[in-house]
N, C-alpha and C. Protein backbone atom coordinates (compact mmCIF):
# COMPACT_ATOMS: atom_id res chain seq x y z
N UNK A 1 1.25 19.06 10.27
CA UNK A 1 1.20 17.62 10.02
C UNK A 1 2.21 17.19 8.92
N UNK A 2 3.07 16.26 9.22
CA UNK A 2 4.05 15.82 8.24
C UNK A 2 3.58 14.59 7.48
N UNK A 3 3.78 14.69 6.18
CA UNK A 3 3.30 13.62 5.31
C UNK A 3 4.40 12.60 5.09
N UNK A 4 4.15 11.40 5.45
CA UNK A 4 5.18 10.28 5.37
C UNK A 4 4.62 9.16 4.48
N UNK A 5 5.35 8.72 3.46
CA UNK A 5 4.95 7.59 2.61
C UNK A 5 5.55 6.28 3.13
N UNK A 6 4.81 5.27 3.11
CA UNK A 6 5.35 3.91 3.56
C UNK A 6 5.12 2.91 2.42
N UNK A 7 6.13 2.20 2.15
CA UNK A 7 6.04 1.13 1.09
C UNK A 7 6.93 -0.04 1.36
N UNK A 8 6.91 -0.99 0.44
CA UNK A 8 7.77 -2.20 0.63
C UNK A 8 7.28 -3.25 -0.31
N UNK A 9 7.85 -4.44 -0.27
CA UNK A 9 7.41 -5.50 -1.16
C UNK A 9 6.24 -6.30 -0.59
N UNK A 10 5.77 -7.27 -1.33
CA UNK A 10 4.68 -8.17 -0.85
C UNK A 10 5.19 -8.98 0.34
N UNK A 11 4.38 -9.04 1.41
CA UNK A 11 4.72 -9.84 2.60
C UNK A 11 6.02 -9.45 3.23
N UNK A 12 6.29 -8.14 3.27
CA UNK A 12 7.47 -7.66 3.98
C UNK A 12 7.15 -7.08 5.34
N UNK A 13 5.84 -6.94 5.65
CA UNK A 13 5.46 -6.46 6.99
C UNK A 13 4.95 -5.05 6.95
N UNK A 14 4.51 -4.52 5.77
CA UNK A 14 3.96 -3.16 5.71
C UNK A 14 2.80 -2.89 6.68
N UNK A 15 1.87 -3.91 6.63
CA UNK A 15 0.65 -3.72 7.44
C UNK A 15 0.92 -3.77 8.93
N UNK A 16 1.89 -4.63 9.29
CA UNK A 16 2.30 -4.70 10.73
C UNK A 16 2.85 -3.35 11.17
N UNK A 17 3.73 -2.79 10.37
CA UNK A 17 4.40 -1.45 10.68
C UNK A 17 3.28 -0.36 10.69
N UNK A 18 2.41 -0.35 9.70
CA UNK A 18 1.38 0.67 9.68
C UNK A 18 0.47 0.66 10.88
N UNK A 19 0.05 -0.56 11.26
CA UNK A 19 -0.84 -0.73 12.44
C UNK A 19 -0.12 -0.25 13.72
N UNK A 20 1.15 -0.48 13.82
CA UNK A 20 1.90 -0.10 14.98
C UNK A 20 2.04 1.45 15.04
N UNK A 21 2.29 2.06 13.90
CA UNK A 21 2.36 3.52 13.84
C UNK A 21 1.04 4.19 14.20
N UNK A 22 -0.01 3.44 13.83
CA UNK A 22 -1.38 3.99 14.25
C UNK A 22 -1.52 3.91 15.75
N UNK A 23 -1.09 2.85 16.39
CA UNK A 23 -1.12 2.72 17.80
C UNK A 23 -0.29 3.80 18.46
N UNK A 24 0.77 4.28 17.79
CA UNK A 24 1.62 5.25 18.36
C UNK A 24 1.05 6.70 18.19
N UNK A 25 -0.11 6.80 17.51
CA UNK A 25 -0.74 8.10 17.39
C UNK A 25 -0.65 8.76 16.06
N UNK A 26 -0.13 8.05 15.07
CA UNK A 26 -0.14 8.62 13.74
C UNK A 26 -1.51 8.38 13.05
N UNK A 27 -1.80 9.22 12.09
CA UNK A 27 -2.99 8.93 11.22
C UNK A 27 -2.47 8.10 10.13
N UNK A 28 -3.08 6.92 9.96
CA UNK A 28 -2.58 6.04 8.96
C UNK A 28 -3.75 5.65 7.98
N UNK A 29 -3.34 5.45 6.72
CA UNK A 29 -4.34 5.09 5.75
C UNK A 29 -3.60 4.29 4.65
N UNK A 30 -4.41 3.41 4.00
CA UNK A 30 -3.79 2.43 2.97
C UNK A 30 -4.41 2.84 1.62
N UNK A 31 -3.51 3.02 0.64
CA UNK A 31 -3.97 3.31 -0.73
C UNK A 31 -4.99 2.28 -1.26
N UNK A 32 -4.71 0.94 -0.95
CA UNK A 32 -5.59 -0.07 -1.42
C UNK A 32 -7.03 0.09 -0.90
N UNK A 33 -7.15 0.55 0.38
CA UNK A 33 -8.48 0.69 0.92
C UNK A 33 -9.24 1.84 0.17
N UNK A 34 -8.57 2.87 -0.09
CA UNK A 34 -9.16 3.99 -0.86
C UNK A 34 -9.60 3.50 -2.23
N UNK A 35 -8.67 2.73 -2.90
CA UNK A 35 -8.95 2.19 -4.25
C UNK A 35 -10.12 1.25 -4.28
N UNK A 36 -10.15 0.35 -3.27
CA UNK A 36 -11.34 -0.59 -3.21
C UNK A 36 -12.67 0.16 -2.96
N UNK A 37 -12.62 1.15 -2.18
CA UNK A 37 -13.84 1.94 -1.91
C UNK A 37 -14.36 2.53 -3.21
N UNK A 38 -13.44 3.05 -4.05
CA UNK A 38 -13.76 3.63 -5.29
C UNK A 38 -14.33 2.51 -6.31
N UNK A 39 -13.53 1.48 -6.42
CA UNK A 39 -13.85 0.43 -7.39
C UNK A 39 -15.19 -0.28 -7.09
N UNK A 40 -15.38 -0.52 -5.81
CA UNK A 40 -16.64 -1.25 -5.41
C UNK A 40 -17.81 -0.36 -5.00
N UNK A 41 -17.72 0.92 -5.43
CA UNK A 41 -18.79 1.82 -5.20
C UNK A 41 -19.92 1.57 -6.25
N UNK A 42 -21.01 2.24 -6.09
CA UNK A 42 -22.06 2.03 -7.11
C UNK A 42 -22.10 3.18 -8.09
N UNK A 43 -20.97 3.83 -8.23
CA UNK A 43 -20.79 4.98 -9.27
C UNK A 43 -20.95 4.31 -10.67
N UNK A 44 -21.99 4.72 -11.41
CA UNK A 44 -22.25 4.16 -12.67
C UNK A 44 -21.16 4.52 -13.72
N UNK A 45 -20.56 5.65 -13.57
CA UNK A 45 -19.53 6.14 -14.50
C UNK A 45 -18.30 5.22 -14.39
N UNK A 46 -17.85 4.89 -13.16
CA UNK A 46 -16.77 3.98 -12.93
C UNK A 46 -17.06 2.57 -13.41
N UNK A 47 -18.28 2.13 -13.18
CA UNK A 47 -18.72 0.78 -13.60
C UNK A 47 -18.63 0.64 -15.12
N UNK A 48 -19.06 1.68 -15.79
CA UNK A 48 -19.03 1.62 -17.26
C UNK A 48 -17.66 1.56 -17.81
N UNK A 49 -16.75 2.27 -17.28
CA UNK A 49 -15.39 2.29 -17.75
C UNK A 49 -14.69 0.92 -17.49
N UNK A 50 -14.95 0.33 -16.34
CA UNK A 50 -14.38 -0.97 -16.08
C UNK A 50 -14.95 -2.02 -16.92
N UNK A 51 -16.27 -1.98 -17.22
CA UNK A 51 -16.90 -2.92 -18.07
C UNK A 51 -16.44 -2.90 -19.51
N UNK A 52 -16.05 -1.69 -19.98
CA UNK A 52 -15.47 -1.55 -21.33
C UNK A 52 -14.21 -2.37 -21.48
N UNK A 53 -13.42 -2.45 -20.45
CA UNK A 53 -12.20 -3.21 -20.56
C UNK A 53 -12.33 -4.64 -20.05
N UNK A 54 -13.11 -4.95 -19.02
CA UNK A 54 -13.19 -6.28 -18.50
C UNK A 54 -14.38 -7.08 -19.04
N UNK A 55 -15.32 -6.36 -19.67
CA UNK A 55 -16.50 -7.05 -20.18
C UNK A 55 -17.64 -6.92 -19.17
N UNK A 56 -18.85 -6.93 -19.69
CA UNK A 56 -20.03 -6.79 -18.85
C UNK A 56 -20.20 -7.94 -17.82
N UNK A 57 -19.63 -9.10 -18.15
CA UNK A 57 -19.74 -10.26 -17.20
C UNK A 57 -18.98 -10.03 -15.87
N UNK A 58 -18.17 -9.00 -15.78
CA UNK A 58 -17.46 -8.73 -14.52
C UNK A 58 -18.38 -8.25 -13.50
N UNK A 59 -19.63 -7.87 -13.86
CA UNK A 59 -20.61 -7.40 -12.91
C UNK A 59 -21.80 -8.40 -12.71
N UNK A 60 -22.20 -8.48 -11.46
CA UNK A 60 -23.42 -9.21 -11.09
C UNK A 60 -24.53 -8.13 -10.95
N UNK A 61 -25.64 -8.36 -11.55
CA UNK A 61 -26.66 -7.37 -11.59
C UNK A 61 -27.11 -6.98 -10.18
N UNK A 62 -27.07 -7.91 -9.25
CA UNK A 62 -27.52 -7.61 -7.89
C UNK A 62 -26.40 -7.26 -6.94
N UNK A 63 -25.22 -7.88 -7.03
CA UNK A 63 -24.15 -7.68 -6.16
C UNK A 63 -23.05 -6.74 -6.64
N UNK A 64 -23.08 -6.38 -7.91
CA UNK A 64 -22.07 -5.44 -8.36
C UNK A 64 -20.86 -6.18 -8.90
N UNK A 65 -19.70 -5.52 -8.74
CA UNK A 65 -18.42 -6.02 -9.27
C UNK A 65 -18.10 -7.37 -8.62
N UNK A 66 -17.75 -8.43 -9.42
CA UNK A 66 -17.39 -9.65 -8.90
C UNK A 66 -15.95 -9.60 -8.37
N UNK A 67 -15.86 -9.51 -7.10
CA UNK A 67 -14.54 -9.24 -6.46
C UNK A 67 -13.46 -10.29 -6.75
N UNK A 68 -13.91 -11.56 -6.54
CA UNK A 68 -12.84 -12.68 -6.77
C UNK A 68 -12.46 -12.72 -8.25
N UNK A 69 -13.39 -12.65 -9.17
CA UNK A 69 -13.09 -12.71 -10.61
C UNK A 69 -12.23 -11.51 -10.99
N UNK A 70 -12.63 -10.35 -10.47
CA UNK A 70 -11.90 -9.12 -10.70
C UNK A 70 -10.37 -9.26 -10.23
N UNK A 71 -10.17 -9.74 -9.01
CA UNK A 71 -8.85 -9.90 -8.47
C UNK A 71 -8.04 -10.86 -9.32
N UNK A 72 -8.67 -11.98 -9.68
CA UNK A 72 -7.92 -12.98 -10.47
C UNK A 72 -7.46 -12.44 -11.79
N UNK A 73 -8.32 -11.64 -12.46
CA UNK A 73 -7.95 -11.04 -13.73
C UNK A 73 -6.83 -10.07 -13.60
N UNK A 74 -6.95 -9.26 -12.55
CA UNK A 74 -5.84 -8.29 -12.29
C UNK A 74 -4.54 -8.96 -12.10
N UNK A 75 -4.46 -10.06 -11.39
CA UNK A 75 -3.24 -10.77 -11.12
C UNK A 75 -2.68 -11.34 -12.42
N UNK A 76 -3.60 -11.90 -13.27
CA UNK A 76 -3.15 -12.62 -14.42
C UNK A 76 -2.86 -11.79 -15.68
N UNK A 77 -3.51 -10.61 -15.76
CA UNK A 77 -3.45 -9.80 -16.97
C UNK A 77 -2.80 -8.41 -16.67
N UNK A 78 -1.51 -8.32 -17.05
CA UNK A 78 -0.79 -7.08 -16.78
C UNK A 78 -1.40 -5.85 -17.47
N UNK A 79 -1.95 -6.05 -18.64
CA UNK A 79 -2.60 -4.86 -19.38
C UNK A 79 -3.78 -4.35 -18.65
N UNK A 80 -4.62 -5.23 -18.21
CA UNK A 80 -5.80 -4.79 -17.43
C UNK A 80 -5.39 -4.18 -16.07
N UNK A 81 -4.34 -4.79 -15.50
CA UNK A 81 -3.87 -4.26 -14.22
C UNK A 81 -3.34 -2.86 -14.36
N UNK A 82 -2.62 -2.58 -15.39
CA UNK A 82 -2.13 -1.28 -15.70
C UNK A 82 -3.26 -0.25 -15.98
N UNK A 83 -4.30 -0.77 -16.69
CA UNK A 83 -5.46 0.16 -16.89
C UNK A 83 -6.08 0.57 -15.56
N UNK A 84 -6.30 -0.43 -14.70
CA UNK A 84 -6.97 -0.06 -13.40
C UNK A 84 -6.08 0.87 -12.63
N UNK A 85 -4.77 0.60 -12.58
CA UNK A 85 -3.80 1.49 -11.85
C UNK A 85 -3.94 2.90 -12.39
N UNK A 86 -3.86 3.06 -13.68
CA UNK A 86 -3.98 4.40 -14.30
C UNK A 86 -5.30 5.07 -14.14
N UNK A 87 -6.33 4.27 -14.17
CA UNK A 87 -7.68 4.77 -14.07
C UNK A 87 -8.02 5.24 -12.64
N UNK A 88 -7.65 4.47 -11.69
CA UNK A 88 -8.00 4.72 -10.27
C UNK A 88 -7.03 5.71 -9.65
N UNK A 89 -5.79 5.70 -10.03
CA UNK A 89 -4.76 6.53 -9.35
C UNK A 89 -5.15 7.98 -9.16
N UNK A 90 -5.59 8.70 -10.16
CA UNK A 90 -6.00 10.13 -9.92
C UNK A 90 -7.10 10.27 -8.90
N UNK A 91 -8.03 9.33 -8.87
CA UNK A 91 -9.18 9.42 -7.89
C UNK A 91 -8.67 9.15 -6.46
N UNK A 92 -7.72 8.17 -6.40
CA UNK A 92 -7.11 7.89 -5.04
C UNK A 92 -6.34 9.08 -4.55
N UNK A 93 -5.57 9.69 -5.45
CA UNK A 93 -4.78 10.91 -5.10
C UNK A 93 -5.72 12.03 -4.65
N UNK A 94 -6.81 12.25 -5.34
CA UNK A 94 -7.78 13.27 -4.96
C UNK A 94 -8.35 13.07 -3.57
N UNK A 95 -8.72 11.77 -3.35
CA UNK A 95 -9.26 11.40 -1.98
C UNK A 95 -8.25 11.57 -0.92
N UNK A 96 -7.05 11.11 -1.18
CA UNK A 96 -5.96 11.25 -0.19
C UNK A 96 -5.71 12.70 0.14
N UNK A 97 -5.65 13.54 -0.91
CA UNK A 97 -5.42 14.99 -0.61
C UNK A 97 -6.53 15.68 0.15
N UNK A 98 -7.75 15.22 -0.12
CA UNK A 98 -8.91 15.69 0.65
C UNK A 98 -8.80 15.32 2.10
N UNK A 99 -8.42 14.07 2.38
CA UNK A 99 -8.24 13.64 3.81
C UNK A 99 -7.12 14.48 4.48
N UNK A 100 -6.05 14.71 3.75
CA UNK A 100 -4.90 15.47 4.28
C UNK A 100 -5.37 16.89 4.66
N UNK A 101 -6.09 17.50 3.77
CA UNK A 101 -6.58 18.84 3.95
C UNK A 101 -7.53 18.95 5.20
N UNK A 102 -8.42 17.99 5.27
CA UNK A 102 -9.30 17.93 6.39
C UNK A 102 -8.61 17.79 7.71
N UNK A 103 -7.65 16.89 7.74
CA UNK A 103 -6.83 16.62 8.96
C UNK A 103 -5.97 17.77 9.33
N UNK A 104 -5.44 18.50 8.35
CA UNK A 104 -4.55 19.59 8.62
C UNK A 104 -5.23 20.68 9.43
N UNK A 105 -6.53 20.81 9.08
CA UNK A 105 -7.31 21.89 9.81
C UNK A 105 -7.58 21.52 11.24
N UNK A 106 -7.64 20.24 11.55
CA UNK A 106 -7.90 19.81 12.93
C UNK A 106 -6.61 19.94 13.82
N UNK A 107 -5.46 19.80 13.23
CA UNK A 107 -4.16 19.82 13.90
C UNK A 107 -4.10 18.65 15.04
N UNK A 108 -4.79 17.58 14.73
CA UNK A 108 -4.88 16.49 15.68
C UNK A 108 -3.75 15.50 15.64
N UNK A 109 -3.05 15.51 14.49
CA UNK A 109 -2.02 14.47 14.27
C UNK A 109 -0.67 15.13 13.82
N UNK A 110 0.42 14.60 14.33
CA UNK A 110 1.72 15.11 13.92
C UNK A 110 2.18 14.50 12.61
N UNK A 111 1.75 13.22 12.41
CA UNK A 111 2.22 12.50 11.24
C UNK A 111 0.98 11.85 10.46
N UNK A 112 1.01 12.04 9.16
CA UNK A 112 0.09 11.36 8.23
C UNK A 112 0.85 10.28 7.55
N UNK A 113 0.55 9.02 7.75
CA UNK A 113 1.31 7.88 7.15
C UNK A 113 0.41 7.27 6.08
N UNK A 114 0.94 7.28 4.87
CA UNK A 114 0.21 6.75 3.72
C UNK A 114 0.90 5.50 3.14
N UNK A 115 0.29 4.39 3.27
CA UNK A 115 0.90 3.11 2.80
C UNK A 115 0.39 2.77 1.41
N UNK A 116 1.34 2.46 0.47
CA UNK A 116 1.03 2.11 -0.83
C UNK A 116 2.15 1.19 -1.37
N UNK A 117 1.76 0.04 -1.94
CA UNK A 117 2.72 -0.90 -2.50
C UNK A 117 3.39 -0.29 -3.74
N UNK A 118 2.68 0.62 -4.41
CA UNK A 118 3.09 1.19 -5.69
C UNK A 118 3.63 2.63 -5.52
N UNK A 119 4.04 2.98 -4.39
CA UNK A 119 4.44 4.32 -4.02
C UNK A 119 5.62 4.83 -4.92
N UNK A 120 6.56 3.91 -5.12
CA UNK A 120 7.79 4.28 -5.88
C UNK A 120 7.52 4.20 -7.37
N UNK A 121 7.01 3.03 -7.85
CA UNK A 121 6.83 2.87 -9.29
C UNK A 121 5.82 3.82 -9.90
N UNK A 122 4.84 4.27 -9.10
CA UNK A 122 3.89 5.22 -9.57
C UNK A 122 4.36 6.67 -9.49
N UNK A 123 5.50 6.87 -8.86
CA UNK A 123 5.99 8.23 -8.70
C UNK A 123 5.42 9.01 -7.50
N UNK A 124 4.49 8.33 -6.76
CA UNK A 124 3.72 8.98 -5.69
C UNK A 124 4.64 9.41 -4.53
N UNK A 125 5.77 8.77 -4.44
CA UNK A 125 6.74 9.01 -3.32
C UNK A 125 7.10 10.47 -3.25
N UNK A 126 7.09 11.16 -4.43
CA UNK A 126 7.49 12.52 -4.57
C UNK A 126 6.47 13.50 -3.84
N UNK A 127 5.33 12.98 -3.52
CA UNK A 127 4.28 13.78 -2.83
C UNK A 127 4.56 13.87 -1.31
N UNK A 128 5.53 13.16 -0.79
CA UNK A 128 5.71 13.04 0.59
C UNK A 128 7.11 13.57 1.06
N UNK A 129 7.18 14.01 2.28
CA UNK A 129 8.33 14.59 2.79
C UNK A 129 9.41 13.58 3.15
N UNK A 130 8.95 12.41 3.59
CA UNK A 130 9.90 11.33 3.91
C UNK A 130 9.28 9.99 3.52
N UNK A 131 10.09 9.03 3.24
CA UNK A 131 9.72 7.67 2.81
C UNK A 131 10.19 6.65 3.76
N UNK A 132 9.33 5.73 4.18
CA UNK A 132 9.75 4.56 4.98
C UNK A 132 9.56 3.34 4.08
N UNK A 133 10.63 2.54 4.03
CA UNK A 133 10.59 1.32 3.20
C UNK A 133 10.70 0.14 4.16
N UNK A 134 9.72 -0.70 4.16
CA UNK A 134 9.72 -1.95 5.01
C UNK A 134 10.23 -3.09 4.12
N UNK A 135 11.16 -3.87 4.69
CA UNK A 135 11.69 -4.99 3.97
C UNK A 135 11.96 -6.18 4.89
N UNK A 136 12.30 -7.28 4.29
CA UNK A 136 12.72 -8.43 5.07
C UNK A 136 13.59 -9.30 4.11
N UNK A 137 14.25 -10.32 4.69
CA UNK A 137 15.08 -11.16 3.83
C UNK A 137 14.19 -12.00 2.89
N UNK A 138 14.83 -12.48 1.78
CA UNK A 138 14.03 -13.18 0.75
C UNK A 138 13.38 -14.44 1.28
N UNK A 139 14.13 -15.17 2.11
CA UNK A 139 13.61 -16.42 2.60
C UNK A 139 12.34 -16.26 3.50
N UNK A 140 12.46 -15.17 4.33
CA UNK A 140 11.37 -14.85 5.20
C UNK A 140 10.16 -14.35 4.38
N UNK A 141 10.37 -13.60 3.33
CA UNK A 141 9.36 -13.12 2.45
C UNK A 141 8.59 -14.25 1.73
N UNK A 142 9.35 -15.16 1.25
CA UNK A 142 8.78 -16.36 0.56
C UNK A 142 7.95 -17.17 1.54
N UNK A 143 8.47 -17.39 2.75
CA UNK A 143 7.82 -18.18 3.76
C UNK A 143 6.43 -17.53 4.10
N UNK A 144 6.45 -16.26 4.33
CA UNK A 144 5.16 -15.54 4.68
C UNK A 144 4.18 -15.58 3.56
N UNK A 145 4.66 -15.37 2.35
CA UNK A 145 3.76 -15.42 1.17
C UNK A 145 3.15 -16.78 0.93
N UNK A 146 3.95 -17.80 1.07
CA UNK A 146 3.44 -19.21 0.91
C UNK A 146 2.39 -19.51 2.00
N UNK A 147 2.64 -19.14 3.18
CA UNK A 147 1.74 -19.36 4.30
C UNK A 147 0.44 -18.57 4.13
N UNK A 148 0.57 -17.26 3.71
CA UNK A 148 -0.56 -16.44 3.62
C UNK A 148 -1.52 -16.78 2.51
N UNK A 149 -0.94 -17.25 1.37
CA UNK A 149 -1.78 -17.46 0.21
C UNK A 149 -1.96 -18.94 -0.08
N UNK A 150 -1.27 -19.78 0.70
CA UNK A 150 -1.40 -21.26 0.53
C UNK A 150 -0.90 -21.71 -0.82
N UNK A 151 0.32 -21.17 -1.16
CA UNK A 151 0.87 -21.52 -2.52
C UNK A 151 2.25 -22.13 -2.26
N UNK A 152 2.82 -22.69 -3.34
CA UNK A 152 4.11 -23.32 -3.33
C UNK A 152 5.24 -22.31 -3.56
N UNK A 153 6.46 -22.77 -3.35
CA UNK A 153 7.58 -21.85 -3.47
C UNK A 153 7.70 -21.24 -4.90
N UNK A 154 7.48 -22.05 -5.88
CA UNK A 154 7.68 -21.58 -7.23
C UNK A 154 6.69 -20.43 -7.57
N UNK A 155 5.41 -20.61 -7.12
CA UNK A 155 4.44 -19.53 -7.34
C UNK A 155 4.75 -18.30 -6.53
N UNK A 156 5.25 -18.55 -5.37
CA UNK A 156 5.60 -17.40 -4.47
C UNK A 156 6.75 -16.63 -5.13
N UNK A 157 7.74 -17.29 -5.64
CA UNK A 157 8.88 -16.66 -6.27
C UNK A 157 8.45 -15.84 -7.50
N UNK A 158 7.49 -16.43 -8.22
CA UNK A 158 6.99 -15.73 -9.43
C UNK A 158 6.26 -14.50 -9.05
N UNK A 159 5.55 -14.48 -7.96
CA UNK A 159 4.81 -13.26 -7.53
C UNK A 159 5.73 -12.13 -7.12
N UNK A 160 6.79 -12.61 -6.38
CA UNK A 160 7.80 -11.62 -5.90
C UNK A 160 8.55 -11.05 -7.13
N UNK A 161 8.90 -11.91 -8.10
CA UNK A 161 9.65 -11.47 -9.22
C UNK A 161 8.86 -10.48 -10.14
N UNK A 162 7.50 -10.66 -10.08
CA UNK A 162 6.65 -9.85 -10.92
C UNK A 162 6.52 -8.42 -10.39
N UNK A 163 7.00 -8.19 -9.13
CA UNK A 163 6.85 -6.88 -8.52
C UNK A 163 8.05 -6.01 -8.82
N UNK A 164 7.86 -4.72 -8.55
CA UNK A 164 8.98 -3.75 -8.78
C UNK A 164 10.09 -4.09 -7.76
N UNK A 165 11.31 -4.16 -8.12
CA UNK A 165 12.41 -4.60 -7.29
C UNK A 165 12.42 -3.82 -5.93
N UNK A 166 12.62 -4.53 -4.84
CA UNK A 166 12.67 -3.93 -3.51
C UNK A 166 13.95 -3.02 -3.43
N UNK A 167 14.98 -3.52 -4.11
CA UNK A 167 16.24 -2.76 -4.12
C UNK A 167 16.09 -1.34 -4.63
N UNK A 168 15.14 -1.12 -5.60
CA UNK A 168 14.86 0.18 -6.19
C UNK A 168 14.10 1.03 -5.20
N UNK A 169 13.20 0.40 -4.44
CA UNK A 169 12.45 1.19 -3.44
C UNK A 169 13.39 1.66 -2.28
N UNK A 170 14.34 0.85 -1.89
CA UNK A 170 15.23 1.17 -0.88
C UNK A 170 16.10 2.41 -1.27
N UNK A 171 16.26 2.69 -2.54
CA UNK A 171 17.05 3.80 -3.00
C UNK A 171 16.49 5.18 -2.60
N UNK A 172 15.16 5.19 -2.44
CA UNK A 172 14.50 6.47 -2.15
C UNK A 172 14.08 6.59 -0.62
N UNK A 173 14.51 5.63 0.10
CA UNK A 173 14.07 5.54 1.53
C UNK A 173 14.84 6.56 2.37
N UNK A 174 14.13 7.18 3.28
CA UNK A 174 14.71 8.04 4.33
C UNK A 174 14.87 7.23 5.63
N UNK A 175 13.89 6.28 5.82
CA UNK A 175 13.89 5.37 6.91
C UNK A 175 13.68 3.97 6.38
N UNK A 176 14.32 3.00 6.94
CA UNK A 176 14.13 1.58 6.54
C UNK A 176 13.84 0.77 7.82
N UNK A 177 12.88 -0.21 7.64
CA UNK A 177 12.48 -1.04 8.78
C UNK A 177 12.60 -2.50 8.38
N UNK A 178 13.55 -3.23 8.94
CA UNK A 178 13.73 -4.68 8.60
C UNK A 178 12.87 -5.48 9.54
N UNK A 179 11.86 -6.18 9.00
CA UNK A 179 10.98 -6.96 9.84
C UNK A 179 11.37 -8.40 9.95
N UNK A 180 12.61 -8.76 9.50
CA UNK A 180 13.02 -10.12 9.62
C UNK A 180 13.10 -10.49 11.16
N UNK A 181 12.94 -11.72 11.43
CA UNK A 181 13.02 -12.13 12.84
C UNK A 181 11.64 -12.15 13.52
N UNK A 182 11.65 -11.87 14.80
CA UNK A 182 10.40 -11.98 15.61
C UNK A 182 9.54 -10.76 15.53
N UNK A 183 8.30 -10.84 15.97
CA UNK A 183 7.45 -9.71 15.98
C UNK A 183 8.00 -8.58 16.98
N UNK A 184 8.54 -9.03 18.06
CA UNK A 184 9.20 -8.11 19.05
C UNK A 184 10.29 -7.34 18.44
N UNK A 185 11.16 -8.01 17.62
CA UNK A 185 12.28 -7.38 16.95
C UNK A 185 11.77 -6.32 15.93
N UNK A 186 10.76 -6.72 15.16
CA UNK A 186 10.19 -5.80 14.22
C UNK A 186 9.56 -4.65 14.87
N UNK A 187 8.90 -4.88 16.02
CA UNK A 187 8.24 -3.79 16.78
C UNK A 187 9.31 -2.82 17.29
N UNK A 188 10.44 -3.33 17.80
CA UNK A 188 11.46 -2.48 18.31
C UNK A 188 12.04 -1.59 17.19
N UNK A 189 12.19 -2.13 16.01
CA UNK A 189 12.76 -1.36 14.89
C UNK A 189 11.74 -0.27 14.40
N UNK A 190 10.51 -0.62 14.52
CA UNK A 190 9.48 0.38 14.16
C UNK A 190 9.48 1.54 15.14
N UNK A 191 9.52 1.19 16.47
CA UNK A 191 9.58 2.18 17.47
C UNK A 191 10.82 3.07 17.40
N UNK A 192 11.92 2.45 17.01
CA UNK A 192 13.16 3.27 16.79
C UNK A 192 12.97 4.22 15.66
N UNK A 193 12.35 3.83 14.57
CA UNK A 193 12.06 4.69 13.47
C UNK A 193 11.13 5.87 13.77
N UNK A 194 10.07 5.49 14.58
CA UNK A 194 9.17 6.51 15.02
C UNK A 194 9.81 7.57 15.84
N UNK A 195 10.70 7.16 16.78
CA UNK A 195 11.46 8.16 17.58
C UNK A 195 12.38 8.98 16.78
N UNK A 196 12.99 8.40 15.77
CA UNK A 196 13.85 9.15 14.89
C UNK A 196 13.06 10.23 14.12
N UNK A 197 11.81 9.90 13.68
CA UNK A 197 11.00 10.84 13.02
C UNK A 197 10.62 11.95 13.94
N UNK A 198 10.23 11.67 15.20
CA UNK A 198 9.86 12.73 16.11
C UNK A 198 11.09 13.62 16.44
N UNK A 199 12.23 13.02 16.53
CA UNK A 199 13.46 13.77 16.75
C UNK A 199 13.78 14.75 15.64
N UNK A 200 13.67 14.22 14.43
CA UNK A 200 13.96 15.02 13.24
C UNK A 200 13.00 16.21 13.08
N UNK A 201 11.76 15.97 13.39
CA UNK A 201 10.75 16.99 13.25
C UNK A 201 10.50 17.82 14.52
N UNK A 202 11.30 17.52 15.53
CA UNK A 202 11.29 18.23 16.83
C UNK A 202 9.89 18.15 17.46
N UNK A 203 9.41 16.95 17.51
CA UNK A 203 8.11 16.71 18.16
C UNK A 203 8.33 16.05 19.52
N UNK A 204 7.82 16.69 20.53
CA UNK A 204 8.07 16.14 21.93
C UNK A 204 7.41 14.82 22.22
């Protein structure tokens, strides 16, 4: 089973590409999903560490971590965001490696595709044999972000600017997928990349 990392900027089409690769028979998983499972678990040790930084009010006695409040603070406070990234990253890596080991024994999949927005800036890309970077043009990215989050152009530009530059992610790419244009065009480019991967790894 070949380990492939997938990344890109906000609203560049990562989820679209990931879902399509899943349909094509790859095993796909998103780092955010693993992180959320860890953060929103009822593990008291994790809860205590988060409360030390965010305050006890971040928890509801009955419902647990206040998701909306937690997400808002993460977006607004870079220091707390960095704490969470550093705190959760080792646990996400351990869970990812466990999944890889379990899957390797089954020999059911040719490709393991791991999607993470922080793949390059966290250095995680080094754990994978190949990297796919999904991108789109700036106007299309802004349009998608404004529509998805219901925000204005200025706020959308600020969110994109706050991220690690897409140009830096493209420097480590083995495959690139441009999702500008129609869904059919993006689908065709994803299929092309999938066939290139199969050819390179000699998979029939």
